C-alpha atoms as a PDB file:
ATOM      1  CA  MET A   1      60.406 102.387  78.230  1.00  0.00           C
ATOM      2  CA  SER A   2      61.569  99.584  76.022  1.00  0.00           C
ATOM      3  CA  GLU A   3      59.657  96.365  75.584  1.00  0.00           C
ATOM      4  CA  ALA A   4      62.572  94.337  76.936  1.00  0.00           C
ATOM      5  CA  ARG A   5      62.491  96.183  80.245  1.00  0.00           C
ATOM      6  CA  THR A   6      58.745  95.818  80.774  1.00  0.00           C
ATOM      7  CA  ALA A   7      58.498  92.133  79.813  1.00  0.00           C
ATOM      8  CA  ARG A   8      58.831  89.813  82.801  1.00  0.00           C
ATOM      9  CA  THR A   9      61.025  86.781  82.342  1.00  0.00           C
ATOM     10  CA  PRO A  10      60.145  83.841  84.580  1.00  0.00           C
ATOM     11  CA  VAL A  11      62.776  82.830  87.108  1.00  0.00           C
ATOM     12  CA  ASP A  12      63.811  79.189  87.236  1.00  0.00           C
ATOM     13  CA  THR A  13      63.632  78.632  90.998  1.00  0.00           C
ATOM     14  CA  SER A  14      65.219  75.196  90.749  1.00  0.00           C
ATOM     15  CA  LYS A  15      68.526  76.908  90.013  1.00  0.00           C
ATOM     16  CA  ILE A  16      68.399  79.115  93.130  1.00  0.00           C
ATOM     17  CA  ALA A  17      70.154  77.475  96.066  1.00  0.00           C
ATOM     18  CA  GLY A  18      67.864  77.158  99.073  1.00  0.00           C
ATOM     19  CA  TRP A  19      64.701  78.275  97.272  1.00  0.00           C
ATOM     20  CA  GLY A  20      61.606  76.912  99.019  1.00  0.00           C
ATOM     21  CA  VAL A  21      63.572  75.265 101.820  1.00  0.00           C
ATOM     22  CA  ASP A  22      60.796  76.073 104.285  1.00  0.00           C
ATOM     23  CA  ALA A  23      57.895  75.066 102.024  1.00  0.00           C
ATOM     24  CA  ASP A  24      57.631  71.558 103.504  1.00  0.00           C
ATOM     25  CA  PRO A  25      56.400  71.673 107.154  1.00  0.00           C
ATOM     26  CA  GLU A  26      58.083  68.317 107.778  1.00  0.00           C
ATOM     27  CA  ASN A  27      61.430  69.884 106.837  1.00  0.00           C
ATOM     28  CA  ASP A  28      60.864  73.163 108.687  1.00  0.00           C
ATOM     29  CA  PRO A  29      63.078  73.356 111.794  1.00  0.00           C
ATOM     30  CA  THR A  30      60.835  75.998 113.382  1.00  0.00           C
ATOM     31  CA  TYR A  31      57.602  74.058 112.885  1.00  0.00           C
ATOM     32  CA  PRO A  32      57.161  72.774 116.450  1.00  0.00           C
ATOM     33  CA  TYR A  33      57.616  76.305 117.761  1.00  0.00           C
ATOM     34  CA  ARG A  34      55.025  77.688 115.379  1.00  0.00           C
ATOM     35  CA  ASP A  35      52.384  75.191 116.525  1.00  0.00           C
ATOM     36  CA  ARG A  36      50.840  77.183 119.363  1.00  0.00           C
ATOM     37  CA  SER A  37      47.615  75.178 119.560  1.00  0.00           C
ATOM     38  CA  ARG A  38      48.968  73.192 122.531  1.00  0.00           C
ATOM     39  CA  ASP A  39      50.409  76.236 124.313  1.00  0.00           C
ATOM     40  CA  HIS A  40      48.320  77.109 127.342  1.00  0.00           C
ATOM     41  CA  GLY A  41      50.603  79.809 128.673  1.00  0.00           C
ATOM     42  CA  LEU A  42      52.356  79.600 132.010  1.00  0.00           C
ATOM     43  CA  SER A  43      51.066  76.748 134.061  1.00  0.00           C
ATOM     44  CA  THR A  44      50.817  76.619 137.838  1.00  0.00           C
ATOM     45  CA  ASP A  45      53.762  74.231 138.060  1.00  0.00           C
ATOM     46  CA  TRP A  46      56.132  76.626 136.251  1.00  0.00           C
ATOM     47  CA  GLN A  47      59.194  77.454 138.335  1.00  0.00           C
ATOM     48  CA  ARG A  48      60.704  80.897 137.973  1.00  0.00           C
ATOM     49  CA  PRO A  49      64.449  80.689 137.218  1.00  0.00           C
ATOM     50  CA  THR A  50      66.852  81.687 139.979  1.00  0.00           C
ATOM     51  CA  GLN A  51      67.184  85.456 140.154  1.00  0.00           C
ATOM     52  CA  GLN A  52      70.589  86.866 139.256  1.00  0.00           C
ATOM     53  CA  ARG A  53      72.282  88.636 142.140  1.00  0.00           C
ATOM     54  CA  SER A  54      73.814  92.006 141.465  1.00  0.00           C
ATOM     55  CA  ASP A  55      76.406  93.995 143.361  1.00  0.00           C
ATOM     56  CA  VAL A  56      75.898  97.128 141.222  1.00  0.00           C
ATOM     57  CA  GLU A  57      72.967  99.471 140.755  1.00  0.00           C
ATOM     58  CA  VAL A  58      70.645  98.366 137.955  1.00  0.00           C
ATOM     59  CA  LEU A  59      68.031 100.789 136.659  1.00  0.00           C
ATOM     60  CA  GLN A  60      64.562  99.372 136.094  1.00  0.00           C
ATOM     61  CA  SER A  61      61.700 100.590 133.969  1.00  0.00           C
ATOM     62  CA  ILE A  62      58.563 101.668 135.820  1.00  0.00           C
ATOM     63  CA  GLU A  63      56.565  99.374 133.503  1.00  0.00           C
ATOM     64  CA  TYR A  64      57.872  96.217 135.183  1.00  0.00           C
ATOM     65  CA  LYS A  65      57.507  94.989 138.755  1.00  0.00           C
ATOM     66  CA  HIS A  66      60.361  92.487 138.686  1.00  0.00           C
ATOM     67  CA  PHE A  67      63.723  92.160 137.029  1.00  0.00           C
ATOM     68  CA  PRO A  68      64.095  89.315 134.548  1.00  0.00           C
ATOM     69  CA  ALA A  69      66.036  86.300 135.799  1.00  0.00           C
ATOM     70  CA  VAL A  70      69.204  87.465 134.006  1.00  0.00           C
ATOM     71  CA  TYR A  71      70.172  91.010 133.009  1.00  0.00           C
ATOM     72  CA  GLY A  72      73.249  93.023 132.078  1.00  0.00           C
ATOM     73  CA  THR A  73      75.401  94.802 134.644  1.00  0.00           C
ATOM     74  CA  THR A  74      78.406  95.808 132.542  1.00  0.00           C
ATOM     75  CA  VAL A  75      78.020  99.574 132.866  1.00  0.00           C
ATOM     76  CA  PRO A  76      76.451 100.661 136.156  1.00  0.00           C
ATOM     77  CA  PRO A  77      75.271 104.284 136.260  1.00  0.00           C
ATOM     78  CA  ARG A  78      77.781 106.749 137.726  1.00  0.00           C
ATOM     79  CA  GLY A  79      78.666 110.404 137.523  1.00  0.00           C
ATOM     80  CA  VAL A  80      76.577 113.008 135.738  1.00  0.00           C
ATOM     81  CA  SER A  81      75.505 110.519 133.067  1.00  0.00           C
ATOM     82  CA  GLY A  82      74.299 108.157 135.816  1.00  0.00           C
ATOM     83  CA  ALA A  83      72.243 110.940 137.387  1.00  0.00           C
ATOM     84  CA  ILE A  84      70.663 111.657 133.992  1.00  0.00           C
ATOM     85  CA  ARG A  85      69.897 107.940 133.537  1.00  0.00           C
ATOM     86  CA  ARG A  86      68.308 107.718 136.999  1.00  0.00           C
ATOM     87  CA  ALA A  87      66.128 110.709 136.149  1.00  0.00           C
ATOM     88  CA  ALA A  88      65.184 109.133 132.795  1.00  0.00           C
ATOM     89  CA  PHE A  89      63.911 105.996 134.514  1.00  0.00           C
ATOM     90  CA  ARG A  90      61.328 108.057 136.405  1.00  0.00           C
ATOM     91  CA  TRP A  91      59.508 108.362 133.084  1.00  0.00           C
ATOM     92  CA  SER A  92      57.636 105.633 131.237  1.00  0.00           C
ATOM     93  CA  GLU A  93      59.320 103.961 128.277  1.00  0.00           C
ATOM     94  CA  SER A  94      56.451 105.241 126.156  1.00  0.00           C
ATOM     95  CA  HIS A  95      57.423 108.848 126.873  1.00  0.00           C
ATOM     96  CA  TRP A  96      59.853 110.535 124.477  1.00  0.00           C
ATOM     97  CA  LEU A  97      61.662 112.271 127.356  1.00  0.00           C
ATOM     98  CA  HIS A  98      62.792 108.893 128.748  1.00  0.00           C
ATOM     99  CA  TRP A  99      64.634 108.046 125.527  1.00  0.00           C
ATOM    100  CA  LEU A 100      65.881 111.590 124.924  1.00  0.00           C
ATOM    101  CA  MET A 101      67.456 111.658 128.380  1.00  0.00           C
ATOM    102  CA  LEU A 102      69.071 108.241 127.848  1.00  0.00           C
ATOM    103  CA  MET A 103      70.586 109.411 124.543  1.00  0.00           C
ATOM    104  CA  GLY A 104      71.832 112.570 126.254  1.00  0.00           C
ATOM    105  CA  ALA A 105      73.338 110.475 129.046  1.00  0.00           C
ATOM    106  CA  ASP A 106      75.233 108.470 126.432  1.00  0.00           C
ATOM    107  CA  ARG A 107      76.771 111.680 125.042  1.00  0.00           C
ATOM    108  CA  VAL A 108      77.666 112.922 128.523  1.00  0.00           C
ATOM    109  CA  ASN A 109      79.225 109.526 129.259  1.00  0.00           C
ATOM    110  CA  VAL A 110      81.543 109.953 126.256  1.00  0.00           C
ATOM    111  CA  VAL A 111      82.790 113.276 127.654  1.00  0.00           C
ATOM    112  CA  GLU A 112      83.179 111.714 131.109  1.00  0.00           C
ATOM    113  CA  GLY A 113      85.281 108.952 129.554  1.00  0.00           C
ATOM    114  CA  LEU A 114      87.538 111.501 127.853  1.00  0.00           C
ATOM    115  CA  VAL A 115      88.006 113.411 131.104  1.00  0.00           C
ATOM    116  CA  GLU A 116      88.708 110.145 132.955  1.00  0.00           C
ATOM    117  CA  ASP A 117      91.342 109.173 130.366  1.00  0.00           C
ATOM    118  CA  LEU A 118      93.029 112.574 130.658  1.00  0.00           C
ATOM    119  CA  ALA A 119      92.963 112.359 134.477  1.00  0.00           C
ATOM    120  CA  ARG A 120      94.801 109.027 134.251  1.00  0.00           C
ATOM    121  CA  GLY A 121      97.417 110.579 131.986  1.00  0.00           C
ATOM    122  CA  LYS A 122      96.195 108.806 128.850  1.00  0.00           C
ATOM    123  CA  VAL A 123      95.603 110.972 125.802  1.00  0.00           C
ATOM    124  CA  PRO A 124      92.771 109.381 123.821  1.00  0.00           C
ATOM    125  CA  ASN A 125      93.144 109.017 120.064  1.00  0.00           C
ATOM    126  CA  VAL A 126      89.706 110.380 119.227  1.00  0.00           C
ATOM    127  CA  PRO A 127      89.969 110.142 115.411  1.00  0.00           C
ATOM    128  CA  ALA A 128      91.008 106.481 115.615  1.00  0.00           C
ATOM    129  CA  GLU A 129      88.250 105.681 118.125  1.00  0.00           C
ATOM    130  CA  MET A 130      85.708 107.309 115.817  1.00  0.00           C
ATOM    131  CA  GLY A 131      86.879 105.188 112.858  1.00  0.00           C
ATOM    132  CA  ALA A 132      88.545 107.939 110.814  1.00  0.00           C
ATOM    133  CA  ARG A 133      90.820 105.515 108.944  1.00  0.00           C
ATOM    134  CA  ALA A 134      87.928 103.256 107.931  1.00  0.00           C
ATOM    135  CA  GLU A 135      85.849 106.248 106.872  1.00  0.00           C
ATOM    136  CA  TRP A 136      88.755 107.582 104.797  1.00  0.00           C
ATOM    137  CA  GLU A 137      89.089 104.203 103.059  1.00  0.00           C
ATOM    138  CA  HIS A 138      85.392 103.430 102.543  1.00  0.00           C
ATOM    139  CA  ASN A 139      83.575 106.791 102.575  1.00  0.00           C
ATOM    140  CA  ARG A 140      86.064 109.424 101.493  1.00  0.00           C
ATOM    141  CA  GLN A 141      83.385 111.934 100.437  1.00  0.00           C
ATOM    142  CA  GLY A 142      81.687 111.681 103.842  1.00  0.00           C
ATOM    143  CA  PHE A 143      85.031 112.040 105.603  1.00  0.00           C
ATOM    144  CA  LEU A 144      85.888 115.187 103.634  1.00  0.00           C
ATOM    145  CA  THR A 145      82.429 116.634 104.303  1.00  0.00           C
ATOM    146  CA  LYS A 146      82.787 116.035 108.049  1.00  0.00           C
ATOM    147  CA  ALA A 147      86.303 117.496 108.022  1.00  0.00           C
ATOM    148  CA  ALA A 148      85.066 120.627 106.219  1.00  0.00           C
ATOM    149  CA  VAL A 149      82.185 121.072 108.680  1.00  0.00           C
ATOM    150  CA  PHE A 150      84.561 120.586 111.633  1.00  0.00           C
ATOM    151  CA  ALA A 151      87.012 123.126 110.178  1.00  0.00           C
ATOM    152  CA  GLY A 152      84.208 125.633 109.590  1.00  0.00           C
ATOM    153  CA  VAL A 153      82.775 125.268 113.085  1.00  0.00           C
ATOM    154  CA  SER A 154      86.265 125.499 114.628  1.00  0.00           C
ATOM    155  CA  ALA A 155      87.043 128.643 112.648  1.00  0.00           C
ATOM    156  CA  GLY A 156      83.720 130.150 113.734  1.00  0.00           C
ATOM    157  CA  VAL A 157      84.435 129.423 117.404  1.00  0.00           C
ATOM    158  CA  VAL A 158      87.928 130.942 117.141  1.00  0.00           C
ATOM    159  CA  LEU A 159      86.536 134.087 115.464  1.00  0.00           C
ATOM    160  CA  LEU A 160      83.815 134.332 118.087  1.00  0.00           C
ATOM    161  CA  PHE A 161      86.348 134.207 120.948  1.00  0.00           C
ATOM    162  CA  ARG A 162      88.663 136.706 119.252  1.00  0.00           C
ATOM    163  CA  ARG A 163      85.800 139.119 118.678  1.00  0.00           C
ATOM    164  CA  SER A 164      84.622 138.866 122.290  1.00  0.00           C
ATOM    165  CA  LYS A 165      88.130 139.604 123.619  1.00  0.00           C
ATOM    166  CA  GLY A 166      88.767 142.566 121.313  1.00  0.00           C
END
């Protein structure tokens, strides 16, 4: 290793924009929040915010007794993926099966969405929805690798079906 690479040159921090902006507690916008010496936790006069009302099923972890005041309801559980999600919420969040089932439900939900699109007469553009154009532009090697793997797996499936029929 050369001497030039091992020698450390000091950095002039005065030339770096924003360097040390949080060094002065008087100029630190988060300072009052960091001062926890006066925080006594929830007091007896604390009022719980109004509970959000929901007209859809919301799954709740077994770790919690109550829902938070506000929560998301954009995708209520339905179909096979919903049944998998309901089963997943029987397990604790600390159990790997809970998360594995939720990830599986996400994959099943993708297939359900494709079937739903086809049932409505809409043919989904799967390559576009998966970002094929962006991958071609920004990660051509990865795109070609995925295309080769897809072609190989497809060829294997076709050969497997031909062999089983013959």
